[in-house]
Protein backbone atom coordinates (compact mmCIF):
# COMPACT_ATOMS: atom_id res chain seq x y z
CA UNK A 1 40.89 -144.93 -43.51
CA UNK A 2 42.57 -141.62 -42.65
CA UNK A 3 41.12 -139.68 -39.74
CA UNK A 4 39.95 -136.14 -40.36
CA UNK A 5 42.64 -133.97 -38.70
CA UNK A 6 40.02 -131.32 -37.94
CA UNK A 7 38.07 -133.71 -35.72
CA UNK A 8 39.38 -134.06 -32.15
CA UNK A 9 39.94 -137.63 -31.05
CA UNK A 10 38.79 -138.11 -27.47
CA UNK A 11 40.93 -141.22 -27.29
CA UNK A 12 44.13 -139.31 -28.04
CA UNK A 13 45.98 -138.63 -24.81
CA UNK A 14 46.75 -135.04 -25.70
CA UNK A 15 43.05 -134.31 -26.23
CA UNK A 16 41.76 -136.19 -23.20
CA UNK A 17 40.21 -134.09 -20.44
CA UNK A 18 42.36 -133.35 -17.42
CA UNK A 19 41.00 -135.49 -14.56
CA UNK A 20 42.28 -133.01 -11.97
CA UNK A 21 40.80 -129.88 -13.52
CA UNK A 22 37.26 -129.19 -12.30
CA UNK A 23 34.89 -126.46 -13.39
CA UNK A 24 32.58 -125.56 -10.51
CA UNK A 25 29.29 -123.82 -11.20
CA UNK A 26 29.69 -121.29 -8.39
CA UNK A 27 26.56 -119.37 -7.47
CA UNK A 28 28.09 -117.98 -4.29
CA UNK A 29 25.72 -119.96 -2.07
CA UNK A 30 26.47 -122.53 0.62
CA UNK A 31 26.30 -125.54 -1.65
CA UNK A 32 28.66 -124.33 -4.35
CA UNK A 33 31.01 -122.84 -1.75
CA UNK A 34 31.20 -126.28 -0.15
CA UNK A 35 31.77 -127.77 -3.62
CA UNK A 36 34.87 -125.59 -3.93
CA UNK A 37 36.13 -126.98 -0.62
CA UNK A 38 35.18 -130.53 -1.61
CA UNK A 39 37.21 -130.55 -4.83
CA UNK A 40 40.06 -128.65 -3.23
CA UNK A 41 40.27 -131.47 -0.68
CA UNK A 42 40.50 -133.89 -3.61
CA UNK A 43 43.49 -131.84 -4.84
CA UNK A 44 41.76 -130.68 -8.01
CA UNK A 45 42.59 -127.41 -9.71
CA UNK A 46 39.48 -125.27 -9.90
CA UNK A 47 37.87 -122.96 -12.40
CA UNK A 48 34.72 -121.21 -11.18
CA UNK A 49 31.86 -120.14 -13.44
CA UNK A 50 29.14 -117.80 -12.17
CA UNK A 51 26.14 -116.92 -14.29
CA UNK A 52 24.57 -113.48 -14.10
CA UNK A 53 21.03 -114.07 -15.30
CA UNK A 54 19.67 -110.86 -13.81
CA UNK A 55 18.84 -112.48 -10.48
CA UNK A 56 17.30 -110.28 -7.82
CA UNK A 57 19.80 -111.52 -5.22
CA UNK A 58 22.80 -110.04 -7.00
CA UNK A 59 24.86 -110.18 -3.82
CA UNK A 60 25.51 -113.83 -4.59
CA UNK A 61 27.67 -112.80 -7.55
CA UNK A 62 29.96 -110.78 -5.30
CA UNK A 63 29.99 -113.68 -2.84
CA UNK A 64 31.07 -115.98 -5.67
CA UNK A 65 33.95 -113.64 -6.49
CA UNK A 66 35.10 -113.68 -2.90
CA UNK A 67 34.83 -117.46 -2.61
CA UNK A 68 36.77 -117.99 -5.85
CA UNK A 69 39.47 -115.60 -4.61
CA UNK A 70 39.64 -117.50 -1.32
CA UNK A 71 40.55 -120.65 -3.26
CA UNK A 72 42.78 -118.89 -5.77
CA UNK A 73 40.55 -120.13 -8.59
CA UNK A 74 40.11 -118.45 -11.94
CA UNK A 75 36.63 -116.93 -11.88
CA UNK A 76 34.45 -116.11 -14.86
CA UNK A 77 31.07 -114.38 -14.80
CA UNK A 78 28.88 -115.23 -17.77
CA UNK A 79 26.43 -112.45 -18.69
CA UNK A 80 23.01 -113.91 -19.45
CA UNK A 81 21.06 -110.89 -18.26
CA UNK A 82 19.37 -110.68 -21.65
CA UNK A 83 17.88 -114.11 -21.07
CA UNK A 84 16.88 -113.25 -17.52
CA UNK A 85 14.97 -110.21 -18.72
CA UNK A 86 12.72 -112.53 -20.73
CA UNK A 87 11.95 -114.81 -17.78
CA UNK A 88 8.88 -113.16 -16.32
CA UNK A 89 6.90 -114.82 -13.57
CA UNK A 90 9.80 -115.91 -11.35
CA UNK A 91 10.45 -114.07 -8.11
CA UNK A 92 14.17 -114.26 -8.87
CA UNK A 93 14.01 -112.44 -12.21
CA UNK A 94 10.72 -110.52 -12.16
CA UNK A 95 10.58 -107.50 -9.86
CA UNK A 96 6.80 -107.69 -9.87
CA UNK A 97 6.77 -111.07 -8.09
CA UNK A 98 7.45 -111.14 -4.35
CA UNK A 99 9.92 -113.60 -2.84
CA UNK A 100 7.78 -115.76 -0.53
CA UNK A 101 8.54 -116.34 3.13
CA UNK A 102 8.10 -119.76 4.68
CA UNK A 103 9.44 -123.28 4.77
CA UNK A 104 11.50 -124.19 1.71
CA UNK A 105 9.24 -127.18 0.92
CA UNK A 106 6.10 -125.02 0.70
CA UNK A 107 4.36 -125.02 -2.67
CA UNK A 108 4.54 -121.21 -2.55
CA UNK A 109 8.28 -121.58 -3.20
CA UNK A 110 7.43 -122.50 -6.79
CA UNK A 111 7.46 -118.74 -7.32
CA UNK A 112 11.25 -118.93 -7.09
CA UNK A 113 11.61 -121.41 -9.96
CA UNK A 114 13.55 -119.97 -12.90
CA UNK A 115 12.51 -122.03 -15.94
CA UNK A 116 15.20 -124.48 -17.02
CA UNK A 117 17.82 -122.61 -15.00
CA UNK A 118 20.11 -125.50 -14.12
CA UNK A 119 19.97 -126.86 -17.65
CA UNK A 120 21.17 -123.49 -18.96
CA UNK A 121 23.86 -123.09 -16.30
CA UNK A 122 25.10 -126.67 -16.59
CA UNK A 123 25.28 -126.65 -20.37
CA UNK A 124 27.15 -123.35 -20.37
CA UNK A 125 29.60 -124.88 -17.91
CA UNK A 126 30.01 -127.99 -20.05
CA UNK A 127 30.82 -125.83 -23.08
CA UNK A 128 33.60 -124.10 -21.14
CA UNK A 129 34.83 -127.40 -19.72
CA UNK A 130 35.06 -129.01 -23.17
CA UNK A 131 36.96 -126.00 -24.51
CA UNK A 132 39.38 -126.10 -21.57
CA UNK A 133 39.55 -129.89 -21.37
CA UNK A 134 38.37 -129.95 -17.78
CA UNK A 135 37.68 -133.45 -16.55
CA UNK A 136 34.73 -132.56 -14.33
CA UNK A 137 31.83 -130.14 -14.19
CA UNK A 138 30.60 -129.90 -10.60
CA UNK A 139 27.04 -128.93 -9.67
CA UNK A 140 25.71 -128.23 -6.19
CA UNK A 141 22.14 -129.54 -6.22
CA UNK A 142 21.06 -131.55 -3.17
CA UNK A 143 18.13 -133.51 -1.76
CA UNK A 144 16.44 -130.45 -0.26
CA UNK A 145 16.02 -129.00 -3.75
CA UNK A 146 13.99 -131.97 -4.99
CA UNK A 147 10.70 -130.71 -3.52
CA UNK A 148 10.31 -127.68 -5.74
CA UNK A 149 12.96 -127.62 -8.46
CA UNK A 150 12.63 -130.25 -11.22
CA UNK A 151 16.11 -129.46 -12.56
CA UNK A 152 17.68 -130.47 -9.25
CA UNK A 153 16.44 -134.07 -9.23
CA UNK A 154 18.37 -137.26 -9.99
CA UNK A 155 16.39 -137.83 -13.19
CA UNK A 156 17.56 -134.43 -14.44
CA UNK A 157 21.19 -135.30 -13.73
CA UNK A 158 20.84 -138.60 -15.59
CA UNK A 159 19.33 -136.87 -18.62
CA UNK A 160 21.95 -134.12 -18.51
CA UNK A 161 24.80 -136.63 -18.53
CA UNK A 162 23.31 -138.37 -21.55
CA UNK A 163 22.88 -135.05 -23.36
CA UNK A 164 26.47 -134.03 -22.62
CA UNK A 165 27.78 -137.31 -24.00
CA UNK A 166 25.71 -137.09 -27.19
CA UNK A 167 26.30 -133.38 -27.77
CA UNK A 168 30.08 -133.67 -27.45
CA UNK A 169 30.75 -136.94 -29.23
CA UNK A 170 34.32 -137.02 -30.49
CA UNK A 171 35.44 -134.25 -28.17
CA UNK A 172 37.05 -134.39 -24.70
CA UNK A 173 33.88 -134.71 -22.65
CA UNK A 174 33.85 -133.93 -18.91
CA UNK A 175 32.07 -135.93 -16.26
CA UNK A 176 29.11 -134.09 -14.76
CA UNK A 177 29.11 -134.62 -11.02
CA UNK A 178 26.69 -133.59 -8.29
CA UNK A 179 28.27 -135.13 -5.19
CA UNK A 180 25.61 -133.74 -2.84
CA UNK A 181 22.60 -134.97 -4.82
CA UNK A 182 21.39 -137.25 -2.00
CA UNK A 183 22.60 -135.06 0.88
CA UNK A 184 20.55 -132.82 3.12
CA UNK A 185 21.48 -129.18 3.45
CA UNK A 186 22.59 -129.97 6.99
CA UNK A 187 25.05 -132.55 5.72
CA UNK A 188 26.45 -129.96 3.33
CA UNK A 189 26.80 -127.41 6.15
CA UNK A 190 28.63 -129.98 8.27
CA UNK A 191 30.87 -131.07 5.40
CA UNK A 192 31.74 -127.51 4.48
CA UNK A 193 32.51 -126.62 8.07
CA UNK A 194 34.78 -129.63 8.50
CA UNK A 195 36.64 -128.74 5.31
CA UNK A 196 37.08 -125.13 6.37
CA UNK A 197 34.88 -123.74 3.59
CA UNK A 198 34.39 -119.97 3.97
CA UNK A 199 30.65 -120.29 4.51
CA UNK A 200 30.63 -116.83 6.04
CA UNK A 201 31.35 -115.50 2.54
CA UNK A 202 28.43 -117.36 0.96
CA UNK A 203 25.06 -115.82 0.20
CA UNK A 204 21.66 -117.53 0.23
CA UNK A 205 18.91 -114.92 0.64
CA UNK A 206 16.71 -114.54 -2.43
CA UNK A 207 15.59 -111.06 -1.34
CA UNK A 208 19.08 -109.69 -1.87
CA UNK A 209 19.14 -107.12 0.94
CA UNK A 210 22.14 -106.04 2.96
CA UNK A 211 21.73 -109.01 5.32
CA UNK A 212 20.03 -112.38 5.09
CA UNK A 213 16.33 -111.87 5.83
CA UNK A 214 16.05 -115.19 7.68
CA UNK A 215 12.49 -115.91 6.55
CA UNK A 216 12.54 -116.57 2.80
CA UNK A 217 12.75 -120.22 1.84
CA UNK A 218 16.49 -120.25 1.20
CA UNK A 219 17.30 -118.35 4.38
CA UNK A 220 15.15 -120.66 6.43
CA UNK A 221 16.76 -123.70 4.84
CA UNK A 222 20.17 -122.21 5.65
CA UNK A 223 19.20 -121.68 9.28
CA UNK A 224 17.89 -125.24 9.55
CA UNK A 225 21.03 -126.63 7.93
CA UNK A 226 23.39 -125.23 10.53
CA UNK A 227 21.07 -126.39 13.31
CA UNK A 228 20.89 -129.89 11.84
CA UNK A 229 24.67 -130.04 11.45
CA UNK A 230 25.20 -128.73 15.00
CA UNK A 231 27.90 -126.36 13.79
CA UNK A 232 28.16 -122.59 14.29
CA UNK A 233 26.20 -120.46 11.84
CA UNK A 234 28.32 -117.45 10.79
CA UNK A 235 25.36 -115.71 9.13
CA UNK A 236 23.72 -112.46 10.25
CA UNK A 237 19.95 -112.68 9.83
CA UNK A 238 17.41 -109.91 10.22
CA UNK A 239 15.11 -112.53 11.76
CA UNK A 240 16.60 -115.66 13.27
CA UNK A 241 13.70 -116.54 15.57
CA UNK A 242 10.66 -117.11 13.34
CA UNK A 243 9.99 -120.82 12.84
CA UNK A 244 8.04 -122.53 10.06
CA UNK A 245 6.73 -126.08 10.28
CA UNK A 246 7.33 -128.27 7.23
CA UNK A 247 4.13 -128.83 5.21
CA UNK A 248 3.98 -132.55 6.06
CA UNK A 249 3.99 -131.76 9.78
CA UNK A 250 0.76 -129.73 9.63
C-alpha cells in the first residue's frame, strides 16, 4: 500500500518533533518566567507564546516581552481580544467585576476564573508547536492553582494530553509538560531564584496598576511564595504588610 504523500508521517525522522525545541506559554508571571529558566537550564531552545485575551492586567504582556528578550527567545503575542470581550463575569476580562482581595484559596477568588482559559491557551500553543515541530509545550500551572482553577489540576493535564494525541494523529505531536504541577508557589520562587530567573521582570497583580497591589489573591500568593522560599522578593508592593489567614485556618 502506498502512503499518501500529503499525510505527514510522525515516524519519519525528518517530520519528528525536535526534542530540544520547547514552546513556553509565557504569561509574564512568576511561574512561566521560571519555566523559561527551567528549560534554558535543560539546554532547550525556546519559543514563547503570550496570549492577549483582553486581560485587565495588561502589564503582564509587557513583562512577557521583557522575559522573552532576556532569554533571547522568539516571542509571539496571539490576539484573542475578540474572545475576551465575550467572557463577561470574570474579574480579569469584565471591567464591571472587581478583583477581590484576600487569600488566594478564598472562594471569592472564583471571580478571577476565565472560563476554559488554559484549554484555549494550551491548544493554541499546541497548534503552533505542531506547525514548528517543537518537541514540548510547557505550561506553568502548579499546586496552588488547584483550589480555584479547574483547568490547572492534574486531571485537566491528563485530559489535555489525550486530546492533543487524538487531535494530531499522524502529525509530529509535542509532549505537553507542566513540571511544576505538584509544586507550591514557594518551590517555584526558590527554583527560579536558584536558576537566576529574572523574577523582577515578572508580573502577577490582577489589578494591573503601576505596582503590585499586594492584596489581591495573586499578589498575596506571590508574597507568600518568596517568604516560603526564604529568598529575596524583588517586587514593589503598594501594601506588603496586610496578612490574610488561609480559609482552613479560620
